[in-house]
Amino acid sequence: MKKLLCLGILVMSYALAACSSNDNNLSETDRGQNVSDKSNRTQEEPTEDSISEIRIKLSFNKEEVLVRMYDNPASRDFLSQLPLTVTFEDYLGKEKISILQKKLSADNVQSQNQPKKGDFAYFSPWGNLDIFYKGLEDATSDLIILGQIESGKKTFENIDSDFTVSIEKLTN
């Protein structure tokens, strides 16, 4: 019985070792090429970040900010809720956030995006919109990028208090 158990452990160890990544056998040049190939593939394949022709306008404090929306389920759900009036507040000195009254559909949407300045996003656990006026260091799969600010990125850096925003879909 002990021999059979040891044999089973040995077979499982061998199988797990065979299934592990072969990256250890790659030279530094090959590793760099492999990473480059993956990132090129990611950019070529349609992703949640596929840009659409749809724009929205955020109006507040006599300012207007234009956002070009991405084509993903959460963006489409957000667009279906427009027009909206929401209040944003500062969060972490990097983003403005506003809790939506109705959560967006985030089913099967996983993002590994690292938010950057100008991203208009949705954080699914809290159900809030995010406007990044600075980037974040870490990516999270719970953050779905809805669009990219085309004009007015710097507007948010200088707002210290809560502010109310009217959001509407622009017609082409």
N, C-alpha and C. Protein backbone atom coordinates (compact mmCIF):
# COMPACT_ATOMS: atom_id res chain seq x y z
N MET A 1 0.82 -1.19 0.00
CA MET A 1 0.00 0.00 0.00
C MET A 1 0.87 1.26 0.00
N LYS A 2 1.97 1.25 0.82
CA LYS A 2 2.85 2.41 0.88
C LYS A 2 3.53 2.63 -0.46
N LYS A 3 3.90 1.52 -1.14
CA LYS A 3 4.55 1.65 -2.44
C LYS A 3 3.59 2.28 -3.44
N LEU A 4 2.33 1.89 -3.40
CA LEU A 4 1.32 2.44 -4.31
C LEU A 4 1.10 3.94 -4.04
N LEU A 5 1.07 4.33 -2.78
CA LEU A 5 0.91 5.73 -2.41
C LEU A 5 2.11 6.56 -2.87
N CYS A 6 3.31 6.03 -2.64
CA CYS A 6 4.53 6.73 -3.08
C CYS A 6 4.56 6.86 -4.59
N LEU A 7 4.15 5.80 -5.29
CA LEU A 7 4.12 5.83 -6.75
C LEU A 7 3.12 6.89 -7.23
N GLY A 8 1.97 6.99 -6.58
CA GLY A 8 0.97 8.01 -6.94
C GLY A 8 1.50 9.41 -6.73
N ILE A 9 2.19 9.64 -5.62
CA ILE A 9 2.77 10.96 -5.36
C ILE A 9 3.83 11.28 -6.38
N LEU A 10 4.66 10.30 -6.73
CA LEU A 10 5.70 10.50 -7.73
C LEU A 10 5.11 10.85 -9.09
N VAL A 11 4.07 10.15 -9.49
CA VAL A 11 3.40 10.41 -10.78
C VAL A 11 2.79 11.81 -10.78
N MET A 12 2.12 12.21 -9.70
CA MET A 12 1.52 13.54 -9.62
C MET A 12 2.58 14.63 -9.67
N SER A 13 3.69 14.42 -8.97
CA SER A 13 4.78 15.40 -8.99
C SER A 13 5.33 15.57 -10.39
N TYR A 14 5.52 14.46 -11.09
CA TYR A 14 6.02 14.51 -12.46
C TYR A 14 5.03 15.24 -13.37
N ALA A 15 3.73 14.95 -13.20
CA ALA A 15 2.70 15.58 -14.04
C ALA A 15 2.66 17.08 -13.79
N LEU A 16 2.74 17.50 -12.54
CA LEU A 16 2.73 18.92 -12.23
C LEU A 16 3.97 19.62 -12.77
N ALA A 17 5.11 18.97 -12.68
CA ALA A 17 6.34 19.57 -13.22
C ALA A 17 6.26 19.70 -14.73
N ALA A 18 5.65 18.74 -15.39
CA ALA A 18 5.52 18.79 -16.85
C ALA A 18 4.55 19.88 -17.29
N CYS A 19 3.57 20.20 -16.44
CA CYS A 19 2.57 21.22 -16.79
C CYS A 19 3.05 22.63 -16.49
N SER A 20 4.15 22.77 -15.75
CA SER A 20 4.60 24.11 -15.40
C SER A 20 5.10 24.85 -16.62
N SER A 21 5.24 26.16 -16.48
CA SER A 21 5.63 27.03 -17.59
C SER A 21 7.03 26.70 -18.08
N ASN A 22 7.22 26.81 -19.38
CA ASN A 22 8.52 26.61 -19.98
C ASN A 22 9.30 27.90 -20.09
N ASP A 23 8.84 28.98 -19.47
CA ASP A 23 9.53 30.27 -19.54
C ASP A 23 10.93 30.20 -18.97
N ASN A 24 11.17 29.26 -18.04
CA ASN A 24 12.50 29.15 -17.45
C ASN A 24 13.54 28.79 -18.48
N ASN A 25 13.15 28.14 -19.55
CA ASN A 25 14.08 27.73 -20.58
C ASN A 25 14.32 28.80 -21.63
N LEU A 26 13.64 29.92 -21.54
CA LEU A 26 13.79 30.98 -22.53
C LEU A 26 14.94 31.90 -22.16
N SER A 27 15.64 32.38 -23.16
CA SER A 27 16.67 33.38 -22.92
C SER A 27 15.98 34.70 -22.61
N GLU A 28 16.72 35.69 -22.11
CA GLU A 28 16.15 37.00 -21.83
C GLU A 28 15.55 37.61 -23.08
N THR A 29 16.22 37.42 -24.22
CA THR A 29 15.71 37.95 -25.48
C THR A 29 14.39 37.31 -25.84
N ASP A 30 14.31 35.97 -25.67
CA ASP A 30 13.07 35.26 -25.98
C ASP A 30 11.95 35.70 -25.07
N ARG A 31 12.25 35.90 -23.76
CA ARG A 31 11.22 36.35 -22.83
C ARG A 31 10.67 37.70 -23.25
N GLY A 32 11.53 38.63 -23.60
CA GLY A 32 11.10 39.95 -24.05
C GLY A 32 10.24 39.84 -25.30
N GLN A 33 10.63 38.98 -26.23
CA GLN A 33 9.86 38.78 -27.46
C GLN A 33 8.49 38.20 -27.13
N ASN A 34 8.48 37.24 -26.19
CA ASN A 34 7.23 36.60 -25.80
C ASN A 34 6.27 37.62 -25.20
N VAL A 35 6.75 38.47 -24.31
CA VAL A 35 5.92 39.52 -23.71
C VAL A 35 5.44 40.48 -24.78
N SER A 36 6.33 40.86 -25.68
CA SER A 36 5.97 41.78 -26.75
C SER A 36 4.88 41.18 -27.64
N ASP A 37 5.03 39.89 -27.97
CA ASP A 37 4.02 39.23 -28.80
C ASP A 37 2.67 39.24 -28.12
N LYS A 38 2.65 38.97 -26.81
CA LYS A 38 1.38 38.95 -26.07
C LYS A 38 0.73 40.32 -26.07
N SER A 39 1.52 41.38 -25.84
CA SER A 39 0.93 42.71 -25.79
C SER A 39 0.46 43.14 -27.17
N ASN A 40 1.16 42.75 -28.23
CA ASN A 40 0.70 43.07 -29.58
C ASN A 40 -0.60 42.35 -29.89
N ARG A 41 -0.70 41.10 -29.46
CA ARG A 41 -1.92 40.35 -29.68
C ARG A 41 -3.09 41.00 -28.95
N THR A 42 -2.84 41.44 -27.71
CA THR A 42 -3.89 42.08 -26.93
C THR A 42 -4.39 43.33 -27.62
N GLN A 43 -3.49 44.12 -28.21
CA GLN A 43 -3.90 45.35 -28.87
C GLN A 43 -4.67 45.06 -30.15
N GLU A 44 -4.38 43.96 -30.82
CA GLU A 44 -5.04 43.66 -32.09
C GLU A 44 -6.41 43.04 -31.90
N GLU A 45 -6.58 42.24 -30.83
CA GLU A 45 -7.86 41.58 -30.60
C GLU A 45 -8.88 42.57 -30.06
N PRO A 46 -10.15 42.39 -30.44
CA PRO A 46 -11.17 43.25 -29.84
C PRO A 46 -11.24 42.98 -28.33
N THR A 47 -11.24 44.01 -27.55
CA THR A 47 -11.29 43.88 -26.10
C THR A 47 -12.39 44.77 -25.57
N GLU A 48 -12.50 44.81 -24.24
CA GLU A 48 -13.48 45.70 -23.64
C GLU A 48 -13.14 47.15 -23.96
N ASP A 49 -11.91 47.38 -24.41
CA ASP A 49 -11.47 48.74 -24.70
C ASP A 49 -11.66 49.11 -26.16
N SER A 50 -12.45 48.36 -26.91
CA SER A 50 -12.70 48.72 -28.30
C SER A 50 -13.44 50.05 -28.32
N ILE A 51 -12.86 51.00 -28.97
CA ILE A 51 -13.43 52.36 -28.99
C ILE A 51 -14.70 52.37 -29.84
N SER A 52 -15.64 53.16 -29.47
CA SER A 52 -16.87 53.29 -30.26
C SER A 52 -16.95 54.72 -30.79
N GLU A 53 -17.95 54.99 -31.55
CA GLU A 53 -18.17 56.34 -32.08
C GLU A 53 -19.00 57.19 -31.13
N ILE A 54 -19.44 56.60 -30.04
CA ILE A 54 -20.34 57.28 -29.11
C ILE A 54 -19.55 58.15 -28.14
N ARG A 55 -20.03 59.38 -27.97
CA ARG A 55 -19.44 60.32 -27.02
C ARG A 55 -20.51 60.74 -26.02
N ILE A 56 -20.03 61.08 -24.82
CA ILE A 56 -20.91 61.67 -23.82
C ILE A 56 -20.31 63.01 -23.40
N LYS A 57 -21.17 63.85 -22.85
CA LYS A 57 -20.73 65.16 -22.37
C LYS A 57 -21.02 65.25 -20.87
N LEU A 58 -20.00 65.64 -20.12
CA LEU A 58 -20.14 65.90 -18.69
C LEU A 58 -20.13 67.41 -18.53
N SER A 59 -21.21 67.96 -17.97
CA SER A 59 -21.34 69.42 -17.78
C SER A 59 -21.40 69.73 -16.29
N PHE A 60 -20.53 70.68 -15.86
CA PHE A 60 -20.48 71.08 -14.46
C PHE A 60 -19.68 72.37 -14.33
N ASN A 61 -20.02 73.19 -13.37
CA ASN A 61 -19.28 74.42 -13.06
C ASN A 61 -18.89 75.20 -14.32
N LYS A 62 -19.80 75.35 -15.23
CA LYS A 62 -19.57 76.05 -16.50
C LYS A 62 -18.47 75.41 -17.35
N GLU A 63 -18.22 74.12 -17.13
CA GLU A 63 -17.23 73.36 -17.89
C GLU A 63 -17.94 72.25 -18.65
N GLU A 64 -17.31 71.80 -19.74
CA GLU A 64 -17.79 70.65 -20.49
C GLU A 64 -16.61 69.73 -20.75
N VAL A 65 -16.81 68.45 -20.47
CA VAL A 65 -15.79 67.44 -20.73
C VAL A 65 -16.40 66.41 -21.65
N LEU A 66 -15.67 66.05 -22.71
CA LEU A 66 -16.14 65.06 -23.66
C LEU A 66 -15.42 63.74 -23.43
N VAL A 67 -16.20 62.66 -23.46
CA VAL A 67 -15.67 61.32 -23.25
C VAL A 67 -16.09 60.46 -24.43
N ARG A 68 -15.11 59.78 -25.03
CA ARG A 68 -15.42 58.79 -26.08
C ARG A 68 -15.57 57.45 -25.37
N MET A 69 -16.71 56.81 -25.58
CA MET A 69 -17.04 55.58 -24.89
C MET A 69 -16.43 54.36 -25.59
N TYR A 70 -16.15 53.34 -24.79
CA TYR A 70 -15.71 52.05 -25.31
C TYR A 70 -16.93 51.20 -25.57
N ASP A 71 -16.74 50.17 -26.35
CA ASP A 71 -17.84 49.25 -26.66
C ASP A 71 -17.69 48.01 -25.80
N ASN A 72 -18.38 47.99 -24.67
CA ASN A 72 -18.42 46.82 -23.80
C ASN A 72 -19.78 46.81 -23.10
N PRO A 73 -20.17 45.68 -22.51
CA PRO A 73 -21.50 45.59 -21.89
C PRO A 73 -21.76 46.64 -20.82
N ALA A 74 -20.77 46.93 -19.99
CA ALA A 74 -20.98 47.93 -18.93
C ALA A 74 -21.18 49.32 -19.52
N SER A 75 -20.42 49.66 -20.58
CA SER A 75 -20.60 50.96 -21.23
C SER A 75 -21.98 51.09 -21.84
N ARG A 76 -22.43 50.03 -22.50
CA ARG A 76 -23.77 50.07 -23.11
C ARG A 76 -24.85 50.22 -22.04
N ASP A 77 -24.67 49.53 -20.91
CA ASP A 77 -25.63 49.65 -19.82
C ASP A 77 -25.63 51.07 -19.26
N PHE A 78 -24.45 51.66 -19.11
CA PHE A 78 -24.35 53.03 -18.64
C PHE A 78 -25.06 53.98 -19.59
N LEU A 79 -24.81 53.83 -20.89
CA LEU A 79 -25.44 54.70 -21.89
C LEU A 79 -26.96 54.60 -21.84
N SER A 80 -27.47 53.42 -21.51
CA SER A 80 -28.93 53.25 -21.45
C SER A 80 -29.55 54.02 -20.28
N GLN A 81 -28.75 54.41 -19.30
CA GLN A 81 -29.24 55.15 -18.13
C GLN A 81 -29.21 56.67 -18.32
N LEU A 82 -28.63 57.11 -19.42
CA LEU A 82 -28.49 58.55 -19.65
C LEU A 82 -29.80 59.17 -20.12
N PRO A 83 -30.05 60.43 -19.81
CA PRO A 83 -29.20 61.38 -19.09
C PRO A 83 -29.23 61.12 -17.58
N LEU A 84 -28.15 61.53 -16.91
CA LEU A 84 -28.00 61.39 -15.47
C LEU A 84 -27.46 62.68 -14.86
N THR A 85 -27.79 62.89 -13.62
CA THR A 85 -27.16 63.94 -12.84
C THR A 85 -26.63 63.27 -11.58
N VAL A 86 -25.30 63.39 -11.38
CA VAL A 86 -24.66 62.73 -10.24
C VAL A 86 -23.70 63.71 -9.56
N THR A 87 -23.35 63.38 -8.33
CA THR A 87 -22.40 64.20 -7.59
C THR A 87 -21.10 63.42 -7.41
N PHE A 88 -19.99 64.06 -7.79
CA PHE A 88 -18.67 63.45 -7.65
C PHE A 88 -17.96 64.03 -6.44
N GLU A 89 -17.10 63.21 -5.84
CA GLU A 89 -16.24 63.64 -4.74
C GLU A 89 -14.85 63.09 -4.99
N ASP A 90 -13.86 63.68 -4.35
CA ASP A 90 -12.49 63.22 -4.54
C ASP A 90 -12.24 61.94 -3.76
N TYR A 91 -11.40 61.09 -4.34
CA TYR A 91 -11.03 59.84 -3.69
C TYR A 91 -9.54 59.60 -3.90
N LEU A 92 -8.80 59.52 -2.82
CA LEU A 92 -7.37 59.22 -2.82
C LEU A 92 -6.49 60.24 -3.53
N GLY A 93 -7.04 61.39 -3.88
CA GLY A 93 -6.24 62.39 -4.58
C GLY A 93 -5.84 61.96 -5.98
N LYS A 94 -6.57 60.98 -6.54
CA LYS A 94 -6.25 60.46 -7.86
C LYS A 94 -7.46 60.36 -8.78
N GLU A 95 -8.64 60.34 -8.16
CA GLU A 95 -9.84 60.13 -8.94
C GLU A 95 -11.03 60.82 -8.29
N LYS A 96 -12.04 61.06 -9.11
CA LYS A 96 -13.33 61.56 -8.63
C LYS A 96 -14.29 60.39 -8.76
N ILE A 97 -15.11 60.18 -7.73
CA ILE A 97 -16.04 59.06 -7.76
C ILE A 97 -17.47 59.52 -7.49
N SER A 98 -18.41 58.74 -8.01
CA SER A 98 -19.83 58.98 -7.77
C SER A 98 -20.55 57.63 -7.76
N ILE A 99 -21.29 57.38 -6.71
CA ILE A 99 -22.04 56.13 -6.60
C ILE A 99 -23.28 56.24 -7.48
N LEU A 100 -23.46 55.26 -8.36
CA LEU A 100 -24.65 55.24 -9.21
C LEU A 100 -25.82 54.65 -8.43
N GLN A 101 -27.04 55.14 -8.69
CA GLN A 101 -28.22 54.60 -8.03
C GLN A 101 -28.51 53.18 -8.52
N LYS A 102 -28.22 52.91 -9.79
CA LYS A 102 -28.45 51.59 -10.35
C LYS A 102 -27.10 51.03 -10.83
N LYS A 103 -26.71 49.87 -10.28
CA LYS A 103 -25.43 49.27 -10.68
C LYS A 103 -25.47 48.86 -12.15
N LEU A 104 -24.31 48.91 -12.76
CA LEU A 104 -24.18 48.51 -14.17
C LEU A 104 -23.99 47.02 -14.28
N SER A 105 -24.36 46.48 -15.41
CA SER A 105 -24.16 45.07 -15.69
C SER A 105 -22.67 44.83 -15.91
N ALA A 106 -22.06 44.08 -15.00
CA ALA A 106 -20.64 43.78 -15.12
C ALA A 106 -20.42 42.28 -15.27
N ASP A 107 -21.48 41.56 -15.65
CA ASP A 107 -21.38 40.11 -15.80
C ASP A 107 -20.32 39.75 -16.81
N ASN A 108 -19.47 38.82 -16.42
CA ASN A 108 -18.43 38.26 -17.30
C ASN A 108 -17.46 39.30 -17.83
N VAL A 109 -17.40 40.48 -17.23
CA VAL A 109 -16.43 41.47 -17.68
C VAL A 109 -15.29 41.47 -16.67
N GLN A 110 -14.12 41.12 -17.13
CA GLN A 110 -12.93 41.13 -16.30
C GLN A 110 -11.92 42.05 -16.94
N SER A 111 -11.43 42.98 -16.21
CA SER A 111 -10.46 43.93 -16.73
C SER A 111 -9.16 43.78 -15.97
N GLN A 112 -8.06 43.88 -16.66
CA GLN A 112 -6.76 43.91 -16.00
C GLN A 112 -6.09 45.25 -16.30
N ASN A 113 -6.92 46.23 -16.60
CA ASN A 113 -6.38 47.53 -16.96
C ASN A 113 -5.82 48.26 -15.76
N GLN A 114 -4.73 48.92 -15.99
CA GLN A 114 -4.18 49.82 -14.99
C GLN A 114 -4.73 51.19 -15.34
N PRO A 115 -5.58 51.75 -14.48
CA PRO A 115 -6.20 53.03 -14.82
C PRO A 115 -5.17 54.13 -15.01
N LYS A 116 -5.41 54.94 -16.01
CA LYS A 116 -4.50 56.05 -16.31
C LYS A 116 -5.29 57.35 -16.36
N LYS A 117 -4.57 58.44 -16.35
CA LYS A 117 -5.19 59.75 -16.38
C LYS A 117 -6.13 59.84 -17.58
N GLY A 118 -7.34 60.29 -17.34
CA GLY A 118 -8.32 60.46 -18.40
C GLY A 118 -9.26 59.29 -18.58
N ASP A 119 -9.09 58.22 -17.80
CA ASP A 119 -10.01 57.10 -17.90
C ASP A 119 -11.32 57.42 -17.20
N PHE A 120 -12.41 57.05 -17.84
CA PHE A 120 -13.75 57.14 -17.30
C PHE A 120 -14.15 55.70 -17.05
N ALA A 121 -14.34 55.31 -15.78
CA ALA A 121 -14.44 53.90 -15.45
C ALA A 121 -15.59 53.61 -14.49
N TYR A 122 -15.77 52.32 -14.23
CA TYR A 122 -16.80 51.84 -13.31
C TYR A 122 -16.15 50.81 -12.39
N PHE A 123 -16.29 51.00 -11.07
CA PHE A 123 -15.77 50.06 -10.09
C PHE A 123 -16.93 49.21 -9.62
N SER A 124 -16.99 47.96 -10.09
CA SER A 124 -18.18 47.13 -9.89
C SER A 124 -18.50 46.78 -8.43
N PRO A 125 -17.54 46.53 -7.54
CA PRO A 125 -17.94 46.19 -6.16
C PRO A 125 -18.73 47.29 -5.46
N TRP A 126 -18.36 48.55 -5.71
CA TRP A 126 -19.03 49.66 -5.04
C TRP A 126 -20.14 50.25 -5.89
N GLY A 127 -20.14 49.98 -7.20
CA GLY A 127 -21.15 50.54 -8.08
C GLY A 127 -20.92 52.02 -8.36
N ASN A 128 -19.65 52.43 -8.45
CA ASN A 128 -19.39 53.84 -8.67
C ASN A 128 -18.66 54.12 -9.98
N LEU A 129 -18.95 55.33 -10.49
CA LEU A 129 -18.22 55.86 -11.63
C LEU A 129 -16.90 56.42 -11.12
N ASP A 130 -15.88 56.35 -11.95
CA ASP A 130 -14.57 56.90 -11.60
C ASP A 130 -14.07 57.76 -12.75
N ILE A 131 -13.55 58.91 -12.41
CA ILE A 131 -12.85 59.76 -13.38
C ILE A 131 -11.43 59.90 -12.85
N PHE A 132 -10.48 59.30 -13.56
CA PHE A 132 -9.09 59.33 -13.10
C PHE A 132 -8.39 60.57 -13.63
N TYR A 133 -7.96 61.44 -12.70
CA TYR A 133 -7.18 62.60 -13.11
C TYR A 133 -5.70 62.37 -12.82
N LYS A 134 -5.40 61.23 -12.21
CA LYS A 134 -4.04 60.71 -12.06
C LYS A 134 -4.16 59.20 -12.24
N GLY A 135 -3.08 58.56 -12.61
CA GLY A 135 -3.11 57.11 -12.77
C GLY A 135 -2.99 56.40 -11.42
N LEU A 136 -3.31 55.12 -11.40
CA LEU A 136 -3.11 54.29 -10.23
C LEU A 136 -1.97 53.32 -10.51
N GLU A 137 -1.34 52.85 -9.45
CA GLU A 137 -0.21 51.95 -9.61
C GLU A 137 -0.63 50.52 -9.90
N ASP A 138 -1.78 50.11 -9.38
CA ASP A 138 -2.18 48.71 -9.49
C ASP A 138 -3.45 48.55 -10.31
N ALA A 139 -3.44 47.50 -11.11
CA ALA A 139 -4.63 47.15 -11.88
C ALA A 139 -5.56 46.33 -10.99
N THR A 140 -6.83 46.35 -11.30
CA THR A 140 -7.79 45.52 -10.59
C THR A 140 -8.79 44.97 -11.60
N SER A 141 -9.19 43.74 -11.39
CA SER A 141 -10.14 43.14 -12.32
C SER A 141 -11.56 43.65 -12.07
N ASP A 142 -11.76 44.42 -11.00
CA ASP A 142 -13.08 44.97 -10.69
C ASP A 142 -13.32 46.33 -11.32
N LEU A 143 -12.32 46.91 -11.96
CA LEU A 143 -12.43 48.21 -12.59
C LEU A 143 -12.64 48.02 -14.09
N ILE A 144 -13.74 48.55 -14.58
CA ILE A 144 -14.07 48.42 -16.01
C ILE A 144 -13.96 49.81 -16.63
N ILE A 145 -13.10 49.94 -17.62
CA ILE A 145 -12.93 51.22 -18.29
C ILE A 145 -14.11 51.40 -19.26
N LEU A 146 -14.88 52.46 -19.04
CA LEU A 146 -16.05 52.74 -19.87
C LEU A 146 -15.70 53.62 -21.06
N GLY A 147 -14.70 54.48 -20.90
CA GLY A 147 -14.34 55.40 -21.96
C GLY A 147 -13.09 56.17 -21.62
N GLN A 148 -12.72 57.06 -22.53
CA GLN A 148 -11.51 57.88 -22.37
C GLN A 148 -11.88 59.34 -22.59
N ILE A 149 -11.45 60.19 -21.67
CA ILE A 149 -11.72 61.62 -21.80
C ILE A 149 -10.93 62.16 -22.99
N GLU A 150 -11.63 62.86 -23.88
CA GLU A 150 -10.99 63.44 -25.06
C GLU A 150 -10.62 64.90 -24.84
N SER A 151 -11.40 65.60 -24.05
CA SER A 151 -11.09 67.00 -23.77
C SER A 151 -11.46 67.31 -22.33
N GLY A 152 -10.59 68.08 -21.66
CA GLY A 152 -10.88 68.50 -20.30
C GLY A 152 -10.28 67.62 -19.22
N LYS A 153 -9.25 66.83 -19.53
CA LYS A 153 -8.64 65.94 -18.52
C LYS A 153 -8.16 66.71 -17.30
N LYS A 154 -7.56 67.85 -17.51
CA LYS A 154 -6.96 68.61 -16.39
C LYS A 154 -8.01 69.31 -15.54
N THR A 155 -9.22 69.41 -16.02
CA THR A 155 -10.29 70.11 -15.30
C THR A 155 -10.49 69.55 -13.90
N PHE A 156 -10.37 68.25 -13.74
CA PHE A 156 -10.70 67.60 -12.48
C PHE A 156 -9.63 67.78 -11.40
N GLU A 157 -8.40 68.06 -11.81
CA GLU A 157 -7.30 68.22 -10.85
C GLU A 157 -7.51 69.40 -9.92
N ASN A 158 -8.19 70.42 -10.38
CA ASN A 158 -8.33 71.66 -9.61
C ASN A 158 -9.63 71.76 -8.81
N ILE A 159 -10.43 70.72 -8.81
CA ILE A 159 -11.69 70.75 -8.06
C ILE A 159 -11.47 70.11 -6.70
N ASP A 160 -11.64 70.90 -5.65
CA ASP A 160 -11.38 70.41 -4.30
C ASP A 160 -12.62 69.93 -3.55
N SER A 161 -13.79 70.37 -3.98
CA SER A 161 -15.00 70.01 -3.26
C SER A 161 -15.89 69.11 -4.14
N ASP A 162 -16.98 68.64 -3.54
CA ASP A 162 -17.95 67.85 -4.31
C ASP A 162 -18.53 68.73 -5.40
N PHE A 163 -18.92 68.11 -6.51
CA PHE A 163 -19.52 68.87 -7.61
C PHE A 163 -20.53 67.99 -8.33
N THR A 164 -21.58 68.65 -8.83
CA THR A 164 -22.66 67.95 -9.51
C THR A 164 -22.44 68.01 -11.01
N VAL A 165 -22.63 66.86 -11.66
CA VAL A 165 -22.36 66.71 -13.08
C VAL A 165 -23.62 66.21 -13.79
N SER A 166 -23.94 66.86 -14.90
CA SER A 166 -24.99 66.37 -15.79
C SER A 166 -24.28 65.60 -16.90
N ILE A 167 -24.75 64.36 -17.12
CA ILE A 167 -24.14 63.53 -18.16
C ILE A 167 -25.17 63.21 -19.21
N GLU A 168 -24.82 63.48 -20.46
CA GLU A 168 -25.74 63.19 -21.56
C GLU A 168 -24.98 62.59 -22.74
N LYS A 169 -25.70 61.82 -23.51
CA LYS A 169 -25.15 61.21 -24.71
C LYS A 169 -25.24 62.24 -25.83
N LEU A 170 -24.15 62.39 -26.57
CA LEU A 170 -24.14 63.30 -27.72
C LEU A 170 -24.60 62.54 -28.95
N THR A 171 -25.35 63.22 -29.79
CA THR A 171 -25.76 62.61 -31.06
C THR A 171 -24.73 62.97 -32.12
N ASN A 172 -24.51 62.03 -33.00
CA ASN A 172 -23.50 62.25 -34.05
C ASN A 172 -23.98 63.18 -35.11
